[in-house]
Protein backbone atom coordinates (compact mmCIF):
# COMPACT_ATOMS: atom_id res chain seq x y z
CA MET A 1 -0.11 -0.12 -0.14
CA PRO A 2 1.29 3.81 -0.72
CA PRO A 3 1.78 5.92 2.01
CA ILE A 4 -1.25 7.41 3.44
CA ILE A 5 -2.28 10.91 4.59
CA MET A 6 -4.96 11.44 6.90
CA VAL A 7 -6.96 14.37 6.19
CA PRO A 8 -9.39 15.09 8.99
CA GLY A 9 -12.17 17.66 9.01
CA ILE A 10 -12.65 20.66 11.19
CA CYS A 11 -11.29 20.22 14.90
CA ASN A 12 -9.07 17.06 13.73
CA SER A 13 -10.42 13.56 14.48
CA GLY A 14 -10.34 12.61 18.19
CA PRO A 15 -9.04 9.56 19.42
CA ASP A 16 -12.03 7.33 18.96
CA HIS A 17 -12.38 8.55 15.26
CA TRP A 18 -11.78 5.56 12.76
CA GLN A 19 -9.01 8.07 10.93
CA SER A 20 -7.16 8.33 14.26
CA LEU A 21 -7.58 4.35 14.93
CA TRP A 22 -6.31 3.59 11.35
CA GLN A 23 -3.45 6.01 11.86
CA ALA A 24 -2.32 4.06 14.69
CA GLN A 25 -2.66 0.64 13.07
CA LEU A 26 -1.08 1.70 9.74
CA ARG A 27 2.72 2.16 9.79
CA GLN A 28 2.57 4.13 6.46
CA ALA A 29 0.07 6.66 7.78
CA THR A 30 0.93 10.30 8.83
CA ARG A 31 -1.44 13.23 9.24
CA PHE A 32 -1.51 16.51 7.29
CA ALA A 33 -1.11 19.42 9.76
CA PRO A 34 -2.94 22.88 9.05
CA THR A 35 -2.02 25.90 11.32
CA ASP A 36 -5.75 25.92 12.83
CA TRP A 37 -8.16 22.85 12.98
CA PHE A 38 -10.84 24.90 14.73
CA HIS A 39 -10.87 28.19 12.29
CA PRO A 40 -10.01 26.56 8.99
CA ASP A 41 -8.63 28.68 6.24
CA ARG A 42 -8.78 26.94 2.91
CA ASP A 43 -5.48 28.32 1.78
CA ASP A 44 -3.77 27.09 5.01
CA TRP A 45 -5.07 23.77 4.52
CA VAL A 46 -4.20 23.50 0.81
CA ALA A 47 -0.57 24.50 1.79
CA ALA A 48 -0.56 21.97 4.76
CA LEU A 49 -1.75 19.28 2.32
CA THR A 50 1.03 20.40 -0.15
CA LEU A 51 3.74 19.84 2.25
CA ALA A 52 2.60 16.69 3.40
CA VAL A 53 1.92 15.11 -0.09
CA THR A 54 5.59 16.62 -0.94
CA ALA A 55 7.23 14.98 2.16
CA ALA A 56 5.81 11.43 1.37
CA PRO A 57 8.30 8.96 -0.09
CA SER A 58 6.11 8.29 -3.17
CA PRO A 59 2.60 9.61 -4.22
CA PRO A 60 0.20 9.04 -1.34
CA LEU A 61 -3.08 7.58 -0.80
CA LEU A 62 -5.19 10.64 0.63
CA VAL A 63 -7.93 9.32 3.09
CA ALA A 64 -10.15 12.31 3.97
CA HIS A 65 -13.06 12.96 6.24
CA SER A 66 -15.98 15.80 6.05
CA LEU A 67 -14.04 19.44 5.38
CA GLY A 68 -10.73 17.21 4.57
CA CYS A 69 -12.45 16.35 1.52
CA LEU A 70 -12.99 19.56 0.46
CA ALA A 71 -9.51 20.49 1.16
CA VAL A 72 -8.39 17.65 -1.32
CA ALA A 73 -10.75 18.91 -4.03
CA HIS A 74 -9.47 22.46 -3.54
CA TRP A 75 -5.73 21.15 -3.62
CA ALA A 76 -6.25 18.91 -6.64
CA ALA A 77 -7.63 22.05 -8.52
CA ARG A 78 -4.43 23.65 -7.99
CA ARG A 79 -2.62 20.93 -10.03
CA THR A 80 0.54 20.87 -8.05
CA ALA A 81 3.66 19.15 -9.06
CA ARG A 82 3.47 16.27 -6.80
CA LYS A 83 0.07 14.21 -7.33
CA ALA A 84 -1.71 11.75 -5.01
CA ALA A 85 -1.95 8.06 -5.86
CA GLY A 86 -5.69 8.45 -4.93
CA ALA A 87 -8.18 9.35 -2.23
CA LEU A 88 -10.90 7.90 -0.16
CA LEU A 89 -13.25 10.69 0.49
CA VAL A 90 -15.67 10.11 3.51
CA ALA A 91 -18.70 12.33 4.17
CA VAL A 92 -18.27 14.88 1.83
CA PRO A 93 -20.12 18.03 3.35
CA ASP A 94 -22.23 20.47 1.53
CA PRO A 95 -20.94 23.93 2.04
CA SER A 96 -24.40 25.45 1.24
CA GLY A 97 -26.21 23.02 3.95
CA ARG A 98 -27.57 24.32 7.15
CA ALA A 99 -25.34 22.44 9.26
CA PHE A 100 -21.94 23.49 7.58
CA PRO A 101 -19.70 25.42 9.88
CA ALA A 102 -19.51 29.14 9.42
CA GLU A 103 -15.88 28.72 10.47
CA ALA A 104 -15.39 26.78 7.22
CA SER A 105 -16.49 29.64 4.86
CA SER A 106 -13.32 29.76 2.86
CA PHE A 107 -14.23 26.20 1.57
CA VAL A 108 -17.29 26.93 -0.60
CA ASP A 109 -17.60 26.32 -4.20
CA PRO A 110 -15.53 23.18 -4.28
CA PRO A 111 -14.25 22.63 -7.79
CA LEU A 112 -16.22 19.96 -9.74
CA GLY A 113 -13.92 18.93 -12.32
CA PRO A 114 -12.58 15.27 -12.54
CA LEU A 115 -9.91 14.68 -9.80
CA PRO A 116 -6.45 14.00 -11.39
CA PHE A 117 -6.34 10.46 -9.30
CA PRO A 118 -8.68 7.68 -8.73
CA ALA A 119 -11.20 8.42 -5.97
CA MET A 120 -13.84 6.86 -3.87
CA ILE A 121 -16.64 8.88 -2.23
CA VAL A 122 -18.19 7.00 0.86
CA ALA A 123 -21.42 8.38 1.76
CA SER A 124 -24.06 7.73 4.32
CA GLU A 125 -27.95 8.03 3.60
CA ASN A 126 -28.57 10.14 6.68
CA ASP A 127 -25.52 12.56 6.86
CA PRO A 128 -26.66 15.84 8.86
CA TYR A 129 -23.96 17.77 6.74
CA ALA A 130 -24.88 16.34 2.95
CA SER A 131 -27.87 14.77 1.39
CA LEU A 132 -27.20 11.57 -1.12
CA THR A 133 -27.79 13.57 -3.86
CA TYR A 134 -25.14 16.05 -3.24
CA ALA A 135 -22.54 13.11 -2.97
CA GLU A 136 -23.89 11.75 -6.22
CA GLU A 137 -23.41 14.95 -7.91
CA HIS A 138 -19.94 15.25 -6.72
CA ALA A 139 -18.98 11.69 -7.23
CA ALA A 140 -19.91 11.93 -10.85
CA GLY A 141 -18.13 15.53 -11.06
CA TRP A 142 -14.90 14.41 -9.60
CA GLY A 143 -15.02 11.12 -11.63
CA ALA A 144 -15.24 9.36 -8.33
CA GLU A 145 -16.85 5.91 -7.36
CA LEU A 146 -19.61 6.14 -4.97
CA VAL A 147 -20.18 3.79 -2.12
CA VAL A 148 -23.25 4.25 -0.11
CA VAL A 149 -22.92 2.43 3.23
CA GLY A 150 -26.38 2.86 4.58
CA ARG A 151 -27.53 5.03 7.41
CA ARG A 152 -24.26 5.92 9.40
CA GLY A 153 -24.85 9.51 10.18
CA HIS A 154 -21.52 11.64 9.21
CA ILE A 155 -19.48 8.69 9.66
CA ASN A 156 -17.52 10.07 12.54
CA SER A 157 -17.11 9.20 16.18
CA ALA A 158 -20.75 9.97 16.87
CA SER A 159 -21.70 7.10 14.57
CA ARG A 160 -19.93 4.74 16.81
CA LEU A 161 -17.95 2.78 14.05
CA GLY A 162 -14.83 1.94 16.31
CA ASP A 163 -11.97 1.20 13.59
CA TRP A 164 -14.88 0.83 10.91
CA PRO A 165 -13.65 -2.49 9.36
CA GLU A 166 -16.16 -1.88 6.37
CA GLY A 167 -14.33 1.45 5.68
CA ARG A 168 -10.87 -0.15 6.09
CA ALA A 169 -12.25 -2.63 3.36
CA LEU A 170 -12.94 0.02 1.04
CA LEU A 171 -9.37 1.61 1.58
CA ASP A 172 -7.88 -1.81 0.56
CA ARG A 173 -10.31 -2.06 -2.53
CA LEU A 174 -9.21 1.42 -3.48
CA ALA A 175 -5.46 0.67 -2.96
CA ALA A 176 -5.93 -2.54 -4.85
CA ARG A 177 -7.29 -0.69 -7.82
CA ILE A 178 -4.59 1.95 -7.95
CA ALA A 179 -1.79 -0.92 -7.54
CA ALA A 180 -3.38 -2.70 -10.77
């Protein structure tokens, strides 16, 4: 498996979040480090992702959750010199939705062109931050495979997924597709 960069959403992912649990389990996993997790700025997050990707020993697999998914889309649109091997984008939020945090307003209008790497969007039927229609539209726009995992809320710690074996299987499936 290629190097993995965890790209959490606003407020980072706490110790019970599947991203944190995966990072502890996967020796090749690191986490990008923006300046501020609580008052995110798109340019700062894109710069932090650029640094993390550049530091990886080879093109990494990005594992993003929530606002991290929008950071990946904005980063990919900048066509940086170093590319990602692929991206697992979990619970892509809708910036025009009522639940979208005002602190993240710089992430509005994510680009909708095809991502320059293989991607998989994982969506929940009852995500309070985005409708399934929104996930479908972004999967089509980004050229990503869409996987709907049932009613899992925002697919975060509150969803009580633990280390989320179903998600790990999807990560492995995406990594195998990239390797082929």
